Amino acid sequence: MPINLKDTQAITTLSGLLYDFLPANPHPNGDPTISFGGCAKKCGIGNLYQGGSKKIAISTLLQNTLEHAKGKFCVLMSTIVQTAMVYRNNKGNPISREEIVAINKSIQDIGFKIPELWDPEFLRSLKSSEPEKVEMKKETNPEMISNLKSEFIALTSLDPHKRGYAFQDFLVRLFDAFVLQPKKSFRIVGEEIDGSFDLNQDTYLMEAKWHAEQTAEADLLIFSGKVSGKAIWSRGLFVSYSGFTQQALKAFAVGKPTNLIGMDGQDIFFILEGRMTLQEAIIAKARRAAETNSFFTSVFELANH
């Protein structure tokens, strides 16, 4: 069925957005699927790719697919994006979040929505071409930070039972001082979360422990399960005053992807000393985790690199 003028305009826009995703034709000695024609063939519609001038070829492929194999349109788009991500990464020019957002809008204008391309975790995994937007006060109140630093040091003199609850209350005030909209401990059937906060439209669940011994892998696995049991866009911050065992750090750096980042007492002290703001520390830890799957990187290391 012929497409209308509105779809034609949307196809022209989408063709322009896709132009730098893949070559029109594969390299003579390369993988034949690494091209627009190759993606069409992989989807079983190779006959709809007519070649020629690259932009016209892309536009014609999209138009032919909509007219003659409409049910393959979303499959074709997903295949192009997946193939292009590998191709562009190998060329040192990874696809950005903004490119996918623009493509999603253009596909939606044609009348389709591809769930995997809208998935929040997928979009967050992509490098942004825009600087991170960090919500914070223009000037942190020096007196407030000084008071928090004194309070943090004073926690060491409390008995263990009182100290655990006092530590949670301290963290609420710390996160509030850095405008992270903290929420105190809340209980869900069968489990308890120590708190939550928001940063750059990401919601983090938080677990906090102040024990003499370092936090072990078992505690991290339990909290990771709590986080993964919530919305797919949830993340976790595990704050352990004494840090984490080497086994725990190793376990969360290999195997399945981590949905947690970690913070220890030294990190908090460095933040209160002004080495990094709390927002900067969390963003840097999350980015390092995304790049390396390393659950914990110290503020000291992050501030010196």
Protein backbone atom coordinates (compact mmCIF):
# COMPACT_ATOMS: atom_id res chain seq x y z
CA MET A 1 0.00 0.00 0.00
CA PRO A 2 1.47 3.42 -0.95
CA ILE A 3 2.63 5.54 1.98
CA ASN A 4 1.33 9.03 2.61
CA LEU A 5 3.18 12.36 2.48
CA LYS A 6 3.64 12.49 6.25
CA ASP A 7 5.33 9.08 6.26
CA THR A 8 7.48 10.12 3.31
CA GLN A 9 8.73 13.14 5.25
CA ALA A 10 9.40 10.98 8.32
CA ILE A 11 11.30 8.46 6.18
CA THR A 12 13.46 11.26 4.78
CA THR A 13 14.26 12.39 8.33
CA LEU A 14 14.97 8.84 9.50
CA SER A 15 17.22 8.18 6.49
CA GLY A 16 19.31 11.21 7.42
CA LEU A 17 19.61 10.04 11.04
CA LEU A 18 20.73 6.58 9.91
CA TYR A 19 23.21 7.81 7.29
CA ASP A 20 26.33 7.48 9.49
CA PHE A 21 25.25 4.21 11.13
CA LEU A 22 26.56 1.80 8.48
CA PRO A 23 28.20 1.79 5.03
CA ALA A 24 25.89 1.43 2.05
CA ASN A 25 27.75 -1.69 0.93
CA PRO A 26 30.10 -4.01 2.84
CA HIS A 27 33.86 -3.84 2.55
CA PRO A 28 35.04 -6.28 -0.16
CA ASN A 29 36.93 -8.36 2.40
CA GLY A 30 34.65 -7.65 5.35
CA ASP A 31 31.51 -9.05 6.92
CA PRO A 32 28.73 -8.78 4.30
CA THR A 33 26.13 -8.08 6.99
CA ILE A 34 27.89 -4.83 8.04
CA SER A 35 25.92 -2.66 5.64
CA PHE A 36 22.37 -1.51 5.04
CA GLY A 37 21.97 -4.06 2.28
CA GLY A 38 23.40 -6.76 4.53
CA CYS A 39 20.92 -5.93 7.30
CA ALA A 40 18.04 -6.12 4.82
CA LYS A 41 19.26 -9.52 3.61
CA LYS A 42 19.59 -10.74 7.22
CA CYS A 43 15.92 -9.79 7.77
CA GLY A 44 14.84 -11.69 4.65
CA ILE A 45 14.11 -8.59 2.57
CA GLY A 46 17.36 -8.23 0.65
CA ASN A 47 15.36 -7.83 -2.56
CA LEU A 48 14.01 -4.52 -1.23
CA TYR A 49 17.47 -2.93 -1.09
CA GLN A 50 18.21 -1.38 -4.48
CA GLY A 51 21.56 0.28 -3.81
CA GLY A 52 22.67 3.46 -5.53
CA SER A 53 23.32 6.78 -3.78
CA LYS A 54 23.57 6.01 -0.08
CA LYS A 55 20.88 8.34 1.27
CA ILE A 56 18.49 7.45 -1.54
CA ALA A 57 19.28 3.76 -1.01
CA ILE A 58 18.43 3.98 2.70
CA SER A 59 15.27 5.95 2.03
CA THR A 60 14.17 3.54 -0.70
CA LEU A 61 14.81 0.53 1.57
CA LEU A 62 12.66 2.01 4.33
CA GLN A 63 9.91 2.98 1.90
CA ASN A 64 9.92 -0.43 0.16
CA THR A 65 9.77 -2.18 3.52
CA LEU A 66 6.76 -0.15 4.63
CA GLU A 67 4.99 -0.75 1.31
CA HIS A 68 5.82 -4.42 0.72
CA ALA A 69 6.93 -5.95 4.07
CA LYS A 70 5.51 -3.72 6.78
CA GLY A 71 5.76 -6.50 9.36
CA LYS A 72 9.55 -6.52 8.94
CA PHE A 73 10.03 -2.78 9.52
CA CYS A 74 10.73 -2.98 13.28
CA VAL A 75 12.94 -6.04 12.82
CA LEU A 76 14.92 -4.17 10.16
CA MET A 77 15.37 -1.12 12.39
CA SER A 78 16.49 -3.21 15.37
CA THR A 79 18.95 -5.10 13.14
CA ILE A 80 20.39 -1.87 11.75
CA VAL A 81 20.87 -0.41 15.25
CA GLN A 82 22.40 -3.60 16.70
CA THR A 83 24.77 -3.99 13.75
CA ALA A 84 25.69 -0.30 13.79
CA MET A 85 26.53 -0.37 17.50
CA VAL A 86 29.27 -2.93 16.88
CA TYR A 87 30.43 -1.20 13.70
CA ARG A 88 30.61 2.26 15.28
CA ASN A 89 32.28 0.97 18.47
CA ASN A 90 35.00 -0.67 16.38
CA LYS A 91 35.54 2.66 14.60
CA GLY A 92 35.87 4.49 17.93
CA ASN A 93 32.69 6.48 17.34
CA PRO A 94 30.01 4.80 19.49
CA ILE A 95 26.35 5.59 18.91
CA SER A 96 25.13 8.19 21.39
CA ARG A 97 21.98 8.24 23.47
CA GLU A 98 20.79 11.33 21.63
CA GLU A 99 21.05 9.57 18.25
CA ILE A 100 18.83 6.71 19.45
CA VAL A 101 16.34 9.13 21.04
CA ALA A 102 16.08 11.00 17.73
CA ILE A 103 15.62 7.75 15.81
CA ASN A 104 12.95 6.58 18.27
CA LYS A 105 11.01 9.79 17.72
CA SER A 106 11.30 9.48 13.95
CA ILE A 107 10.14 5.84 14.03
CA GLN A 108 7.24 6.88 16.23
CA ASP A 109 6.29 9.54 13.69
CA ILE A 110 5.92 6.74 11.14
CA GLY A 111 3.63 4.89 13.55
CA PHE A 112 5.92 2.33 15.23
CA LYS A 113 7.56 1.95 18.63
CA ILE A 114 10.33 -0.57 19.23
CA PRO A 115 10.38 -1.44 22.98
CA GLU A 116 14.04 -2.48 23.18
CA LEU A 117 15.16 0.87 21.74
CA TRP A 118 13.10 2.72 24.36
CA ASP A 119 14.31 0.60 27.29
CA PRO A 120 15.67 2.98 29.99
CA GLU A 121 18.57 0.67 30.86
CA PHE A 122 19.59 0.47 27.20
CA LEU A 123 19.43 4.24 26.78
CA ARG A 124 21.43 4.82 29.98
CA SER A 125 24.10 2.40 28.77
CA LEU A 126 24.82 4.66 25.79
CA LYS A 127 27.30 7.47 25.98
CA SER A 128 25.67 10.88 26.01
CA SER A 129 26.98 13.55 23.66
CA GLU A 130 25.78 16.16 26.15
CA PRO A 131 27.45 16.92 29.50
CA GLU A 132 25.86 15.36 32.58
CA LYS A 133 23.34 17.64 34.22
CA VAL A 134 23.98 17.66 37.93
CA GLU A 135 21.42 19.20 40.19
CA MET A 136 23.16 20.86 43.10
CA LYS A 137 23.23 24.05 45.05
CA LYS A 138 25.35 26.77 43.53
CA GLU A 139 27.12 27.11 46.87
CA THR A 140 27.19 24.41 49.52
CA ASN A 141 26.72 25.81 52.99
CA PRO A 142 30.22 25.49 54.58
CA GLU A 143 28.75 25.49 58.08
CA MET A 144 26.37 22.66 57.21
CA ILE A 145 29.19 20.56 55.75
CA SER A 146 31.37 21.29 58.79
CA ASN A 147 28.57 20.16 61.10
CA LEU A 148 28.06 16.99 59.08
CA LYS A 149 31.77 16.24 59.25
CA SER A 150 31.76 16.61 63.04
CA GLU A 151 28.63 14.46 63.28
CA PHE A 152 30.21 11.78 61.10
CA ILE A 153 33.30 11.62 63.31
CA ALA A 154 31.13 11.54 66.45
CA LEU A 155 29.29 8.44 65.20
CA THR A 156 32.36 6.34 66.04
CA SER A 157 31.78 6.88 69.78
CA LEU A 158 28.24 5.43 69.76
CA ASP A 159 27.48 1.84 70.70
CA PRO A 160 26.89 -0.41 67.66
CA HIS A 161 23.10 -0.65 68.00
CA LYS A 162 22.51 3.10 68.22
CA ARG A 163 25.19 3.81 65.64
CA GLY A 164 23.40 1.87 62.87
CA TYR A 165 20.23 3.98 63.12
CA ALA A 166 22.25 7.17 63.65
CA PHE A 167 24.23 6.37 60.49
CA GLN A 168 21.02 6.10 58.45
CA ASP A 169 19.79 9.44 59.81
CA PHE A 170 23.18 11.00 59.07
CA LEU A 171 23.03 9.79 55.46
CA VAL A 172 19.58 11.35 55.01
CA ARG A 173 20.96 14.71 56.14
CA LEU A 174 24.07 14.28 53.98
CA PHE A 175 22.05 13.53 50.85
CA ASP A 176 19.62 16.33 51.67
CA ALA A 177 22.54 18.77 51.95
CA PHE A 178 23.48 17.89 48.37
CA VAL A 179 19.88 18.18 47.13
CA LEU A 180 19.36 14.50 46.30
CA GLN A 181 15.80 14.26 47.64
CA PRO A 182 16.46 11.40 50.08
CA LYS A 183 13.69 9.20 51.39
CA LYS A 184 14.09 7.50 54.77
CA SER A 185 13.90 3.78 55.39
CA PHE A 186 10.78 2.10 54.04
CA ARG A 187 9.46 -1.44 54.31
CA ILE A 188 8.09 -3.65 51.56
CA VAL A 189 6.53 -7.04 52.27
CA GLY A 190 9.38 -9.36 53.19
CA GLU A 191 12.18 -6.81 52.95
CA GLU A 192 13.39 -3.41 54.08
CA ILE A 193 15.17 -0.71 52.08
CA ASP A 194 17.30 1.75 54.04
CA GLY A 195 16.36 4.65 51.79
CA SER A 196 16.33 6.08 48.29
CA PHE A 197 17.33 9.24 46.42
CA ASP A 198 17.16 10.79 42.95
CA LEU A 199 20.00 12.04 40.76
CA ASN A 200 19.67 13.16 37.14
CA GLN A 201 16.27 11.45 36.86
CA ASP A 202 17.76 8.15 38.07
CA THR A 203 16.31 6.60 41.22
CA TYR A 204 18.74 4.83 43.54
CA LEU A 205 17.77 2.47 46.35
CA MET A 206 20.20 2.59 49.24
CA GLU A 207 21.50 0.10 51.79
CA ALA A 208 23.68 1.33 54.68
CA LYS A 209 25.80 -0.68 57.12
CA TRP A 210 28.23 0.34 59.83
CA HIS A 211 29.89 -2.85 60.99
CA ALA A 212 33.40 -3.42 62.27
CA GLU A 213 33.96 -6.02 59.57
CA GLN A 214 33.91 -5.35 55.84
CA THR A 215 30.73 -6.11 53.92
CA ALA A 216 30.78 -9.55 52.31
CA GLU A 217 29.50 -10.82 48.99
CA ALA A 218 26.37 -12.33 50.55
CA ASP A 219 25.09 -8.93 51.71
CA LEU A 220 25.69 -7.45 48.26
CA LEU A 221 23.85 -10.32 46.57
CA ILE A 222 20.83 -9.81 48.83
CA PHE A 223 20.69 -6.08 48.11
CA SER A 224 21.29 -6.64 44.39
CA GLY A 225 18.28 -8.96 44.41
CA LYS A 226 16.16 -6.28 46.08
CA VAL A 227 17.13 -3.76 43.41
CA SER A 228 16.59 -6.14 40.48
CA GLY A 229 13.15 -6.97 41.90
CA LYS A 230 12.02 -3.37 41.44
CA ALA A 231 11.55 -1.31 38.27
CA ILE A 232 14.17 -2.00 35.60
CA TRP A 233 15.48 1.58 35.86
CA SER A 234 16.27 1.26 39.59
CA ARG A 235 19.89 1.35 40.71
CA GLY A 236 21.46 0.57 44.06
CA LEU A 237 23.99 2.33 46.27
CA PHE A 238 25.47 0.19 49.04
CA VAL A 239 27.14 2.34 51.72
CA SER A 240 29.44 0.31 53.98
CA TYR A 241 31.47 2.28 56.49
CA SER A 242 34.17 -0.42 56.71
CA GLY A 243 34.27 -1.09 52.99
CA PHE A 244 33.98 -4.40 51.16
CA THR A 245 35.88 -7.68 51.22
CA GLN A 246 38.18 -8.48 48.31
CA GLN A 247 36.02 -11.48 47.48
CA ALA A 248 32.94 -9.24 47.27
CA LEU A 249 34.74 -6.71 45.03
CA LYS A 250 35.97 -9.47 42.73
CA ALA A 251 32.57 -11.18 42.55
CA PHE A 252 30.87 -7.97 41.48
CA ALA A 253 33.46 -7.19 38.83
CA VAL A 254 32.98 -10.43 36.86
CA GLY A 255 30.01 -12.48 35.78
CA LYS A 256 26.61 -10.85 35.48
CA PRO A 257 26.31 -7.05 35.06
CA THR A 258 26.16 -5.11 38.32
CA ASN A 259 23.16 -2.98 39.27
CA LEU A 260 25.00 -1.55 42.30
CA ILE A 261 27.72 0.92 43.12
CA GLY A 262 29.50 1.06 46.47
CA MET A 263 30.65 3.76 48.87
CA ASP A 264 32.67 3.44 52.07
CA GLY A 265 33.47 5.62 55.07
CA GLN A 266 36.61 7.01 53.50
CA ASP A 267 34.58 8.12 50.47
CA ILE A 268 32.20 10.01 52.75
CA PHE A 269 35.09 11.67 54.58
CA PHE A 270 36.70 12.77 51.29
CA ILE A 271 33.35 14.19 50.13
CA LEU A 272 33.01 16.15 53.37
CA GLU A 273 36.60 17.33 52.86
CA GLY A 274 35.60 18.74 49.48
CA ARG A 275 37.52 16.34 47.21
CA MET A 276 34.32 15.79 45.20
CA THR A 277 30.69 16.66 45.70
CA LEU A 278 28.36 13.79 46.53
CA GLN A 279 26.72 14.13 43.10
CA GLU A 280 30.07 14.05 41.31
CA ALA A 281 31.13 10.97 43.27
CA ILE A 282 27.97 9.01 42.45
CA ILE A 283 28.06 9.98 38.76
CA ALA A 284 31.76 9.04 38.51
CA LYS A 285 31.20 5.72 40.29
CA ALA A 286 28.21 4.90 38.05
CA ARG A 287 30.20 5.75 34.92
CA ARG A 288 33.16 3.63 36.03
CA ALA A 289 30.76 0.74 36.75
CA ALA A 290 29.22 1.12 33.28
CA GLU A 291 32.67 1.14 31.64
CA THR A 292 34.29 -1.68 33.65
CA ASN A 293 31.48 -3.43 35.60
CA SER A 294 33.49 -2.54 38.71
CA PHE A 295 31.04 -2.16 41.57
CA PHE A 296 33.35 -0.04 43.74
CA THR A 297 35.94 2.62 42.87
CA SER A 298 37.10 4.91 45.66
CA VAL A 299 36.55 8.66 45.61
CA PHE A 300 40.29 9.05 46.16
CA GLU A 301 41.02 7.20 42.90
CA LEU A 302 38.24 8.96 40.99
CA ALA A 303 39.36 12.42 42.17
CA ASN A 304 42.94 11.76 41.08
CA HIS A 305 42.23 10.54 37.56
